[in-house]
Amino acid sequence: MDIYESLAEELIEALDRKKKGPPHEDMSAAMRGELAVLRLLSEEERALTAGEISRLLQMTTSRIAAVLGALEKKGLIVRS
């Protein structure tokens, strides 16, 4: 597991623990989309296409494209 996968797992676990507390009103919809994609990618054992991510998360393909672009820009994913 590389450093990015490890950091993504830590983030997801921390957010899962936080869910049990009061909701975060300041968490933007964009951030929730990024976290959903990171969670899905961390749970999958294979690479996924943008279309598969869109279908699995029930988000539009344009939304997934924006989320993947943001995650790639932050260095959290690598698209190929």
N, C-alpha and C. Protein backbone atom coordinates (compact mmCIF):
# COMPACT_ATOMS: atom_id res chain seq x y z
N MET A 1 0.85 -1.18 0.00
CA MET A 1 0.00 0.00 0.00
C MET A 1 0.89 1.23 0.00
N ASP A 2 0.63 2.16 -0.92
CA ASP A 2 1.47 3.35 -0.96
C ASP A 2 0.94 4.40 0.01
N ILE A 3 1.66 5.48 0.14
CA ILE A 3 1.35 6.52 1.12
C ILE A 3 -0.03 7.13 0.87
N TYR A 4 -0.42 7.32 -0.39
CA TYR A 4 -1.72 7.92 -0.69
C TYR A 4 -2.86 7.01 -0.27
N GLU A 5 -2.71 5.71 -0.52
CA GLU A 5 -3.75 4.77 -0.10
C GLU A 5 -3.86 4.75 1.42
N SER A 6 -2.73 4.79 2.10
CA SER A 6 -2.72 4.80 3.55
C SER A 6 -3.40 6.06 4.10
N LEU A 7 -3.08 7.21 3.51
CA LEU A 7 -3.69 8.46 3.95
C LEU A 7 -5.19 8.48 3.66
N ALA A 8 -5.58 7.94 2.51
CA ALA A 8 -7.01 7.89 2.18
C ALA A 8 -7.75 7.01 3.18
N GLU A 9 -7.17 5.87 3.54
CA GLU A 9 -7.79 4.99 4.53
C GLU A 9 -7.93 5.68 5.88
N GLU A 10 -6.89 6.38 6.30
CA GLU A 10 -6.95 7.10 7.58
C GLU A 10 -8.05 8.15 7.56
N LEU A 11 -8.16 8.86 6.46
CA LEU A 11 -9.19 9.89 6.33
C LEU A 11 -10.57 9.27 6.39
N ILE A 12 -10.78 8.20 5.68
CA ILE A 12 -12.09 7.54 5.66
C ILE A 12 -12.44 7.01 7.05
N GLU A 13 -11.49 6.41 7.73
CA GLU A 13 -11.74 5.90 9.08
C GLU A 13 -12.08 7.04 10.04
N ALA A 14 -11.37 8.14 9.93
CA ALA A 14 -11.64 9.29 10.80
C ALA A 14 -13.03 9.85 10.54
N LEU A 15 -13.41 9.92 9.29
CA LEU A 15 -14.75 10.42 8.96
C LEU A 15 -15.83 9.47 9.41
N ASP A 16 -15.58 8.17 9.33
CA ASP A 16 -16.55 7.20 9.84
C ASP A 16 -16.77 7.38 11.33
N ARG A 17 -15.68 7.60 12.06
CA ARG A 17 -15.80 7.83 13.50
C ARG A 17 -16.57 9.12 13.78
N LYS A 18 -16.33 10.12 12.97
CA LYS A 18 -16.97 11.42 13.17
C LYS A 18 -18.46 11.37 12.84
N LYS A 19 -18.89 10.46 11.97
CA LYS A 19 -20.30 10.34 11.61
C LYS A 19 -21.18 10.10 12.84
N LYS A 20 -20.61 9.48 13.85
CA LYS A 20 -21.37 9.16 15.03
C LYS A 20 -21.69 10.41 15.86
N GLY A 21 -20.98 11.49 15.58
CA GLY A 21 -21.20 12.75 16.28
C GLY A 21 -22.13 13.64 15.49
N PRO A 22 -22.19 14.91 15.85
CA PRO A 22 -23.06 15.84 15.13
C PRO A 22 -22.60 16.03 13.69
N PRO A 23 -23.52 16.23 12.79
CA PRO A 23 -23.14 16.40 11.37
C PRO A 23 -22.35 17.68 11.17
N HIS A 24 -21.49 17.64 10.18
CA HIS A 24 -20.69 18.82 9.83
C HIS A 24 -21.42 19.62 8.77
N GLU A 25 -21.92 20.74 9.15
CA GLU A 25 -22.62 21.58 8.20
C GLU A 25 -21.65 22.26 7.23
N ASP A 26 -20.39 22.39 7.65
CA ASP A 26 -19.42 23.11 6.82
C ASP A 26 -18.79 22.24 5.74
N MET A 27 -19.05 20.92 5.75
CA MET A 27 -18.47 20.05 4.73
C MET A 27 -19.25 20.26 3.42
N SER A 28 -18.55 20.71 2.41
CA SER A 28 -19.20 21.02 1.14
C SER A 28 -19.63 19.76 0.41
N ALA A 29 -20.56 19.93 -0.50
CA ALA A 29 -21.01 18.81 -1.32
C ALA A 29 -19.84 18.27 -2.14
N ALA A 30 -18.95 19.17 -2.58
CA ALA A 30 -17.79 18.73 -3.36
C ALA A 30 -16.93 17.79 -2.53
N MET A 31 -16.68 18.14 -1.29
CA MET A 31 -15.85 17.31 -0.43
C MET A 31 -16.51 15.96 -0.19
N ARG A 32 -17.82 15.93 0.00
CA ARG A 32 -18.51 14.65 0.20
C ARG A 32 -18.36 13.76 -1.03
N GLY A 33 -18.43 14.36 -2.22
CA GLY A 33 -18.24 13.59 -3.45
C GLY A 33 -16.84 13.00 -3.54
N GLU A 34 -15.85 13.80 -3.15
CA GLU A 34 -14.47 13.32 -3.18
C GLU A 34 -14.29 12.17 -2.19
N LEU A 35 -14.87 12.31 -1.03
CA LEU A 35 -14.73 11.25 -0.03
C LEU A 35 -15.42 9.96 -0.47
N ALA A 36 -16.56 10.10 -1.11
CA ALA A 36 -17.27 8.91 -1.60
C ALA A 36 -16.43 8.18 -2.64
N VAL A 37 -15.80 8.94 -3.53
CA VAL A 37 -14.96 8.32 -4.56
C VAL A 37 -13.74 7.68 -3.92
N LEU A 38 -13.09 8.37 -2.99
CA LEU A 38 -11.92 7.80 -2.32
C LEU A 38 -12.29 6.51 -1.59
N ARG A 39 -13.42 6.52 -0.92
CA ARG A 39 -13.86 5.32 -0.21
C ARG A 39 -14.06 4.16 -1.19
N LEU A 40 -14.78 4.43 -2.26
CA LEU A 40 -15.03 3.38 -3.26
C LEU A 40 -13.72 2.84 -3.81
N LEU A 41 -12.81 3.73 -4.18
CA LEU A 41 -11.54 3.28 -4.75
C LEU A 41 -10.71 2.50 -3.74
N SER A 42 -10.79 2.87 -2.49
CA SER A 42 -10.01 2.15 -1.47
C SER A 42 -10.57 0.76 -1.20
N GLU A 43 -11.86 0.58 -1.44
CA GLU A 43 -12.50 -0.71 -1.18
C GLU A 43 -12.39 -1.66 -2.36
N GLU A 44 -12.16 -1.13 -3.55
CA GLU A 44 -12.08 -1.97 -4.75
C GLU A 44 -10.68 -2.56 -4.90
N GLU A 45 -10.64 -3.76 -5.40
CA GLU A 45 -9.36 -4.43 -5.62
C GLU A 45 -8.85 -4.24 -7.04
N ARG A 46 -9.61 -3.52 -7.84
CA ARG A 46 -9.21 -3.30 -9.23
C ARG A 46 -9.45 -1.85 -9.59
N ALA A 47 -8.86 -1.44 -10.67
CA ALA A 47 -9.08 -0.08 -11.17
C ALA A 47 -10.51 0.03 -11.69
N LEU A 48 -11.09 1.19 -11.55
CA LEU A 48 -12.45 1.43 -12.03
C LEU A 48 -12.43 2.54 -13.07
N THR A 49 -13.33 2.44 -14.03
CA THR A 49 -13.49 3.52 -14.99
C THR A 49 -14.38 4.59 -14.36
N ALA A 50 -14.33 5.77 -14.96
CA ALA A 50 -15.19 6.86 -14.48
C ALA A 50 -16.67 6.46 -14.60
N GLY A 51 -17.01 5.75 -15.65
CA GLY A 51 -18.39 5.29 -15.83
C GLY A 51 -18.82 4.32 -14.74
N GLU A 52 -17.92 3.43 -14.36
CA GLU A 52 -18.24 2.48 -13.29
C GLU A 52 -18.42 3.22 -11.96
N ILE A 53 -17.56 4.18 -11.70
CA ILE A 53 -17.68 4.96 -10.47
C ILE A 53 -19.01 5.70 -10.46
N SER A 54 -19.36 6.29 -11.59
CA SER A 54 -20.63 7.01 -11.71
C SER A 54 -21.81 6.09 -11.40
N ARG A 55 -21.80 4.91 -11.98
CA ARG A 55 -22.89 3.96 -11.77
C ARG A 55 -22.94 3.49 -10.32
N LEU A 56 -21.81 3.14 -9.75
CA LEU A 56 -21.78 2.60 -8.39
C LEU A 56 -22.18 3.64 -7.34
N LEU A 57 -21.81 4.89 -7.57
CA LEU A 57 -22.13 5.94 -6.60
C LEU A 57 -23.42 6.69 -6.95
N GLN A 58 -24.00 6.32 -8.07
CA GLN A 58 -25.24 6.96 -8.54
C GLN A 58 -25.08 8.48 -8.64
N MET A 59 -23.98 8.88 -9.27
CA MET A 59 -23.69 10.29 -9.54
C MET A 59 -23.59 10.45 -11.05
N THR A 60 -23.83 11.65 -11.51
CA THR A 60 -23.72 11.89 -12.95
C THR A 60 -22.27 11.76 -13.39
N THR A 61 -22.10 11.45 -14.66
CA THR A 61 -20.74 11.31 -15.19
C THR A 61 -20.00 12.65 -15.15
N SER A 62 -20.72 13.75 -15.33
CA SER A 62 -20.06 15.06 -15.26
C SER A 62 -19.59 15.36 -13.84
N ARG A 63 -20.37 14.96 -12.85
CA ARG A 63 -19.97 15.16 -11.45
C ARG A 63 -18.74 14.32 -11.13
N ILE A 64 -18.72 13.07 -11.58
CA ILE A 64 -17.58 12.19 -11.34
C ILE A 64 -16.34 12.74 -12.02
N ALA A 65 -16.49 13.26 -13.24
CA ALA A 65 -15.34 13.84 -13.95
C ALA A 65 -14.76 15.00 -13.14
N ALA A 66 -15.62 15.84 -12.57
CA ALA A 66 -15.16 16.97 -11.77
C ALA A 66 -14.46 16.48 -10.50
N VAL A 67 -15.04 15.48 -9.85
CA VAL A 67 -14.46 14.93 -8.62
C VAL A 67 -13.10 14.30 -8.92
N LEU A 68 -13.03 13.50 -9.97
CA LEU A 68 -11.76 12.86 -10.32
C LEU A 68 -10.70 13.90 -10.67
N GLY A 69 -11.10 14.95 -11.36
CA GLY A 69 -10.16 16.02 -11.69
C GLY A 69 -9.62 16.69 -10.43
N ALA A 70 -10.51 16.95 -9.47
CA ALA A 70 -10.10 17.59 -8.22
C ALA A 70 -9.16 16.67 -7.42
N LEU A 71 -9.49 15.39 -7.37
CA LEU A 71 -8.65 14.44 -6.64
C LEU A 71 -7.28 14.29 -7.30
N GLU A 72 -7.28 14.29 -8.62
CA GLU A 72 -6.00 14.17 -9.34
C GLU A 72 -5.15 15.43 -9.11
N LYS A 73 -5.78 16.58 -9.15
CA LYS A 73 -5.07 17.84 -8.92
C LYS A 73 -4.45 17.89 -7.53
N LYS A 74 -5.13 17.28 -6.55
CA LYS A 74 -4.62 17.23 -5.17
C LYS A 74 -3.58 16.13 -4.99
N GLY A 75 -3.37 15.31 -6.03
CA GLY A 75 -2.39 14.23 -5.94
C GLY A 75 -2.88 13.01 -5.19
N LEU A 76 -4.21 12.89 -5.03
CA LEU A 76 -4.75 11.76 -4.28
C LEU A 76 -5.05 10.55 -5.15
N ILE A 77 -5.18 10.76 -6.45
CA ILE A 77 -5.38 9.64 -7.37
C ILE A 77 -4.51 9.87 -8.61
N VAL A 78 -4.32 8.80 -9.35
CA VAL A 78 -3.63 8.87 -10.64
C VAL A 78 -4.57 8.24 -11.65
N ARG A 79 -4.89 8.98 -12.68
CA ARG A 79 -5.77 8.46 -13.73
C ARG A 79 -4.93 7.91 -14.86
N SER A 80 -5.41 6.81 -15.42
CA SER A 80 -4.68 6.24 -16.57
C SER A 80 -5.66 5.70 -17.59
